[in-house]
């Protein structure tokens, strides 16, 4: 996956390549993910708290640089399509200023970058108390991709015990 990302980065003609530093993003992602996991089940942070066991989590970036976290049960029903997740705007990876939007034109590059970061962080993040408190199936599949573009399905598969919330 890193080779694919490096090839895409070589084709990128913009001036924001220096922003895509894997170590910086993974450190921040590892700190923030437990908070997002907690938000998914807390009625203070979501209109539809997740109560059914999770089977798949899909992270997708769209052509404007917005990041969406969708959560599915074992039957493929979407439990939440805009769950809490990182803000690429806050992190400076994408910009609201039209003149600064060179990376958004290369949304596949951002998706590949995110996939590497998530792949490095998820094994540790899935061991946190916040993740373990989520309702979940024995296997949870994580996918990262660009809307209508590049996708890495089965990026990471968490295997553990099934957990239900009464």
C-alpha atoms as a PDB file:
ATOM      1  CA  UNK A   1       0.000   0.000   0.000  1.00  0.00           C
ATOM      2  CA  UNK A   2       2.859   2.382   0.765  1.00  0.00           C
ATOM      3  CA  UNK A   3       4.258   1.799  -2.731  1.00  0.00           C
ATOM      4  CA  UNK A   4       0.878   2.673  -4.283  1.00  0.00           C
ATOM      5  CA  UNK A   5       0.747   5.861  -2.170  1.00  0.00           C
ATOM      6  CA  UNK A   6       4.339   6.818  -3.069  1.00  0.00           C
ATOM      7  CA  UNK A   7       3.570   6.301  -6.784  1.00  0.00           C
ATOM      8  CA  UNK A   8       0.490   8.525  -6.473  1.00  0.00           C
ATOM      9  CA  UNK A   9       2.486  11.129  -4.548  1.00  0.00           C
ATOM     10  CA  UNK A  10       5.055  11.279  -7.386  1.00  0.00           C
ATOM     11  CA  UNK A  11       2.228  12.067  -9.828  1.00  0.00           C
ATOM     12  CA  UNK A  12       0.889  14.854  -7.580  1.00  0.00           C
ATOM     13  CA  UNK A  13       1.794  18.249  -9.073  1.00  0.00           C
ATOM     14  CA  UNK A  14       0.613  20.453  -6.201  1.00  0.00           C
ATOM     15  CA  UNK A  15       2.582  22.106  -3.438  1.00  0.00           C
ATOM     16  CA  UNK A  16       1.050  20.321  -0.421  1.00  0.00           C
ATOM     17  CA  UNK A  17       2.873  16.982  -0.496  1.00  0.00           C
ATOM     18  CA  UNK A  18       4.806  17.930   2.652  1.00  0.00           C
ATOM     19  CA  UNK A  19       1.536  17.904   4.617  1.00  0.00           C
ATOM     20  CA  UNK A  20       1.078  14.163   4.044  1.00  0.00           C
ATOM     21  CA  UNK A  21       3.405  12.977   6.796  1.00  0.00           C
ATOM     22  CA  UNK A  22       2.269   9.540   7.947  1.00  0.00           C
ATOM     23  CA  UNK A  23       3.823   9.729  11.440  1.00  0.00           C
ATOM     24  CA  UNK A  24       2.147  13.064  12.220  1.00  0.00           C
ATOM     25  CA  UNK A  25      -1.287  11.847  11.172  1.00  0.00           C
ATOM     26  CA  UNK A  26      -0.998   8.422  12.848  1.00  0.00           C
ATOM     27  CA  UNK A  27       0.008   9.984  16.168  1.00  0.00           C
ATOM     28  CA  UNK A  28      -2.942  12.340  16.078  1.00  0.00           C
ATOM     29  CA  UNK A  29      -5.333   9.639  14.840  1.00  0.00           C
ATOM     30  CA  UNK A  30      -4.338   7.270  17.644  1.00  0.00           C
ATOM     31  CA  UNK A  31      -5.064   9.997  20.213  1.00  0.00           C
ATOM     32  CA  UNK A  32      -8.436  10.943  18.693  1.00  0.00           C
ATOM     33  CA  UNK A  33      -9.950   7.574  17.704  1.00  0.00           C
ATOM     34  CA  UNK A  34     -10.989   6.495  21.240  1.00  0.00           C
ATOM     35  CA  UNK A  35     -13.050   9.688  21.560  1.00  0.00           C
ATOM     36  CA  UNK A  36     -14.827   8.954  18.277  1.00  0.00           C
ATOM     37  CA  UNK A  37     -15.565   5.385  19.392  1.00  0.00           C
ATOM     38  CA  UNK A  38     -17.207   6.786  22.551  1.00  0.00           C
ATOM     39  CA  UNK A  39     -19.260   9.258  20.521  1.00  0.00           C
ATOM     40  CA  UNK A  40     -20.757   6.484  18.395  1.00  0.00           C
ATOM     41  CA  UNK A  41     -22.739   5.110  21.349  1.00  0.00           C
ATOM     42  CA  UNK A  42     -23.344   8.333  23.292  1.00  0.00           C
ATOM     43  CA  UNK A  43     -26.704  10.083  22.672  1.00  0.00           C
ATOM     44  CA  UNK A  44     -25.062  13.451  23.445  1.00  0.00           C
ATOM     45  CA  UNK A  45     -22.960  13.174  20.286  1.00  0.00           C
ATOM     46  CA  UNK A  46     -25.140  11.321  17.772  1.00  0.00           C
ATOM     47  CA  UNK A  47     -28.804  11.253  16.802  1.00  0.00           C
ATOM     48  CA  UNK A  48     -28.727   7.457  16.456  1.00  0.00           C
ATOM     49  CA  UNK A  49     -26.433   5.889  19.064  1.00  0.00           C
ATOM     50  CA  UNK A  50     -25.098   2.529  17.872  1.00  0.00           C
ATOM     51  CA  UNK A  51     -26.782  -0.303  19.756  1.00  0.00           C
ATOM     52  CA  UNK A  52     -26.555  -3.204  17.299  1.00  0.00           C
ATOM     53  CA  UNK A  53     -23.276  -5.114  17.009  1.00  0.00           C
ATOM     54  CA  UNK A  54     -20.966  -3.544  14.416  1.00  0.00           C
ATOM     55  CA  UNK A  55     -19.663  -5.710  11.585  1.00  0.00           C
ATOM     56  CA  UNK A  56     -18.082  -3.166   9.216  1.00  0.00           C
ATOM     57  CA  UNK A  57     -16.687   0.340   9.468  1.00  0.00           C
ATOM     58  CA  UNK A  58     -16.099   2.219   6.243  1.00  0.00           C
ATOM     59  CA  UNK A  59     -14.147   5.473   6.119  1.00  0.00           C
ATOM     60  CA  UNK A  60     -14.660   7.430   2.906  1.00  0.00           C
ATOM     61  CA  UNK A  61     -13.388  10.792   1.700  1.00  0.00           C
ATOM     62  CA  UNK A  62     -15.447  12.696  -0.876  1.00  0.00           C
ATOM     63  CA  UNK A  63     -14.379  15.074  -3.640  1.00  0.00           C
ATOM     64  CA  UNK A  64     -14.586  18.094  -1.296  1.00  0.00           C
ATOM     65  CA  UNK A  65     -12.296  16.462   1.248  1.00  0.00           C
ATOM     66  CA  UNK A  66     -15.037  15.643   3.755  1.00  0.00           C
ATOM     67  CA  UNK A  67     -14.476  12.406   5.658  1.00  0.00           C
ATOM     68  CA  UNK A  68     -17.416  10.083   6.394  1.00  0.00           C
ATOM     69  CA  UNK A  69     -17.443   7.149   8.766  1.00  0.00           C
ATOM     70  CA  UNK A  70     -20.221   4.666   8.024  1.00  0.00           C
ATOM     71  CA  UNK A  71     -21.046   1.818  10.388  1.00  0.00           C
ATOM     72  CA  UNK A  72     -22.811  -1.393   9.332  1.00  0.00           C
ATOM     73  CA  UNK A  73     -24.305  -4.406  11.088  1.00  0.00           C
ATOM     74  CA  UNK A  74     -23.730  -8.020  10.013  1.00  0.00           C
ATOM     75  CA  UNK A  75     -26.673  -7.891   7.560  1.00  0.00           C
ATOM     76  CA  UNK A  76     -25.159  -4.882   5.777  1.00  0.00           C
ATOM     77  CA  UNK A  77     -27.662  -2.389   7.204  1.00  0.00           C
ATOM     78  CA  UNK A  78     -26.099   1.053   7.664  1.00  0.00           C
ATOM     79  CA  UNK A  79     -26.407   1.976  11.335  1.00  0.00           C
ATOM     80  CA  UNK A  80     -24.790   5.399  10.902  1.00  0.00           C
ATOM     81  CA  UNK A  81     -23.524   7.151   7.780  1.00  0.00           C
ATOM     82  CA  UNK A  82     -21.817  10.155   9.347  1.00  0.00           C
ATOM     83  CA  UNK A  83     -20.316   8.911  12.606  1.00  0.00           C
ATOM     84  CA  UNK A  84     -17.703  10.980  14.435  1.00  0.00           C
ATOM     85  CA  UNK A  85     -14.297  10.923  12.834  1.00  0.00           C
ATOM     86  CA  UNK A  86     -11.279  13.093  12.127  1.00  0.00           C
ATOM     87  CA  UNK A  87     -11.641  16.453  10.404  1.00  0.00           C
ATOM     88  CA  UNK A  88      -9.218  16.758   7.525  1.00  0.00           C
ATOM     89  CA  UNK A  89      -9.965  20.502   7.554  1.00  0.00           C
ATOM     90  CA  UNK A  90      -8.861  20.876  11.185  1.00  0.00           C
ATOM     91  CA  UNK A  91      -5.738  18.904  10.414  1.00  0.00           C
ATOM     92  CA  UNK A  92      -4.839  21.115   7.452  1.00  0.00           C
ATOM     93  CA  UNK A  93      -4.933  18.259   4.947  1.00  0.00           C
ATOM     94  CA  UNK A  94      -7.791  19.866   3.030  1.00  0.00           C
ATOM     95  CA  UNK A  95      -8.775  23.505   2.855  1.00  0.00           C
ATOM     96  CA  UNK A  96     -12.046  25.403   2.670  1.00  0.00           C
ATOM     97  CA  UNK A  97     -10.263  28.073   0.578  1.00  0.00           C
ATOM     98  CA  UNK A  98     -10.773  27.365  -3.133  1.00  0.00           C
ATOM     99  CA  UNK A  99      -7.263  28.653  -3.936  1.00  0.00           C
ATOM    100  CA  UNK A 100      -5.720  26.162  -1.513  1.00  0.00           C
ATOM    101  CA  UNK A 101      -7.580  23.061  -2.738  1.00  0.00           C
ATOM    102  CA  UNK A 102      -4.913  21.283  -4.789  1.00  0.00           C
ATOM    103  CA  UNK A 103      -5.077  18.075  -2.730  1.00  0.00           C
ATOM    104  CA  UNK A 104      -8.835  17.708  -3.092  1.00  0.00           C
ATOM    105  CA  UNK A 105      -8.343  17.261  -6.829  1.00  0.00           C
ATOM    106  CA  UNK A 106      -6.337  14.155  -5.932  1.00  0.00           C
ATOM    107  CA  UNK A 107      -8.845  12.544  -3.583  1.00  0.00           C
ATOM    108  CA  UNK A 108      -7.476   9.054  -4.313  1.00  0.00           C
ATOM    109  CA  UNK A 109      -4.106  10.234  -2.981  1.00  0.00           C
ATOM    110  CA  UNK A 110      -5.746  11.377   0.264  1.00  0.00           C
ATOM    111  CA  UNK A 111      -7.628   8.065   0.542  1.00  0.00           C
ATOM    112  CA  UNK A 112      -4.407   6.082   0.075  1.00  0.00           C
ATOM    113  CA  UNK A 113      -2.695   8.241   2.695  1.00  0.00           C
ATOM    114  CA  UNK A 114      -5.576   7.692   5.135  1.00  0.00           C
ATOM    115  CA  UNK A 115      -5.548   3.941   4.483  1.00  0.00           C
ATOM    116  CA  UNK A 116      -1.882   3.714   5.481  1.00  0.00           C
ATOM    117  CA  UNK A 117      -2.502   5.787   8.605  1.00  0.00           C
ATOM    118  CA  UNK A 118      -5.548   3.767   9.671  1.00  0.00           C
ATOM    119  CA  UNK A 119      -3.757   0.491   8.923  1.00  0.00           C
ATOM    120  CA  UNK A 120      -0.934   1.478  11.286  1.00  0.00           C
ATOM    121  CA  UNK A 121      -3.238   2.755  14.052  1.00  0.00           C
ATOM    122  CA  UNK A 122      -6.159   0.300  14.105  1.00  0.00           C
ATOM    123  CA  UNK A 123      -4.390  -2.651  15.796  1.00  0.00           C
ATOM    124  CA  UNK A 124      -3.683  -0.427  18.828  1.00  0.00           C
ATOM    125  CA  UNK A 125      -6.915   1.583  18.685  1.00  0.00           C
ATOM    126  CA  UNK A 126      -9.019  -1.594  18.721  1.00  0.00           C
ATOM    127  CA  UNK A 127      -7.462  -2.563  22.064  1.00  0.00           C
ATOM    128  CA  UNK A 128      -8.694   0.606  23.799  1.00  0.00           C
ATOM    129  CA  UNK A 129     -11.474   0.485  26.351  1.00  0.00           C
ATOM    130  CA  UNK A 130     -13.556   2.799  24.183  1.00  0.00           C
ATOM    131  CA  UNK A 131     -13.453   0.361  21.272  1.00  0.00           C
ATOM    132  CA  UNK A 132     -14.026  -2.658  23.495  1.00  0.00           C
ATOM    133  CA  UNK A 133     -17.182  -0.968  24.855  1.00  0.00           C
ATOM    134  CA  UNK A 134     -18.732  -0.779  21.370  1.00  0.00           C
ATOM    135  CA  UNK A 135     -21.384  -3.333  20.441  1.00  0.00           C
ATOM    136  CA  UNK A 136     -19.592  -5.570  17.995  1.00  0.00           C
ATOM    137  CA  UNK A 137     -19.513  -8.825  16.111  1.00  0.00           C
ATOM    138  CA  UNK A 138     -16.549 -11.200  16.446  1.00  0.00           C
ATOM    139  CA  UNK A 139     -15.063  -9.770  13.253  1.00  0.00           C
ATOM    140  CA  UNK A 140     -15.160  -6.104  12.323  1.00  0.00           C
ATOM    141  CA  UNK A 141     -13.888  -5.144   8.894  1.00  0.00           C
ATOM    142  CA  UNK A 142     -12.450  -1.690   8.285  1.00  0.00           C
ATOM    143  CA  UNK A 143     -12.326  -0.162   4.799  1.00  0.00           C
ATOM    144  CA  UNK A 144     -10.931   3.168   3.625  1.00  0.00           C
ATOM    145  CA  UNK A 145     -11.487   4.782   0.261  1.00  0.00           C
ATOM    146  CA  UNK A 146     -12.444   7.711  -1.908  1.00  0.00           C
ATOM    147  CA  UNK A 147     -16.065   8.244  -2.914  1.00  0.00           C
ATOM    148  CA  UNK A 148     -16.428   6.659  -6.370  1.00  0.00           C
ATOM    149  CA  UNK A 149     -12.679   6.119  -6.522  1.00  0.00           C
ATOM    150  CA  UNK A 150      -9.827   4.176  -4.999  1.00  0.00           C
ATOM    151  CA  UNK A 151     -10.792   1.838  -2.142  1.00  0.00           C
ATOM    152  CA  UNK A 152      -9.052  -0.560   0.177  1.00  0.00           C
ATOM    153  CA  UNK A 153     -11.683  -2.996   1.394  1.00  0.00           C
ATOM    154  CA  UNK A 154     -10.685  -5.236   4.298  1.00  0.00           C
ATOM    155  CA  UNK A 155      -7.916  -2.821   5.251  1.00  0.00           C
ATOM    156  CA  UNK A 156      -7.959  -4.251   8.757  1.00  0.00           C
ATOM    157  CA  UNK A 157     -10.076  -6.972  10.363  1.00  0.00           C
ATOM    158  CA  UNK A 158     -10.484  -6.865  14.116  1.00  0.00           C
ATOM    159  CA  UNK A 159     -11.119 -10.288  15.619  1.00  0.00           C
ATOM    160  CA  UNK A 160     -12.427 -10.574  19.155  1.00  0.00           C
ATOM    161  CA  UNK A 161     -15.425 -11.592  21.177  1.00  0.00           C
ATOM    162  CA  UNK A 162     -18.922 -10.547  20.214  1.00  0.00           C
ATOM    163  CA  UNK A 163     -20.283  -7.886  22.546  1.00  0.00           C
ATOM    164  CA  UNK A 164     -23.863  -6.676  22.847  1.00  0.00           C
ATOM    165  CA  UNK A 165     -25.268  -3.693  24.712  1.00  0.00           C
ATOM    166  CA  UNK A 166     -28.561  -4.415  26.471  1.00  0.00           C
END
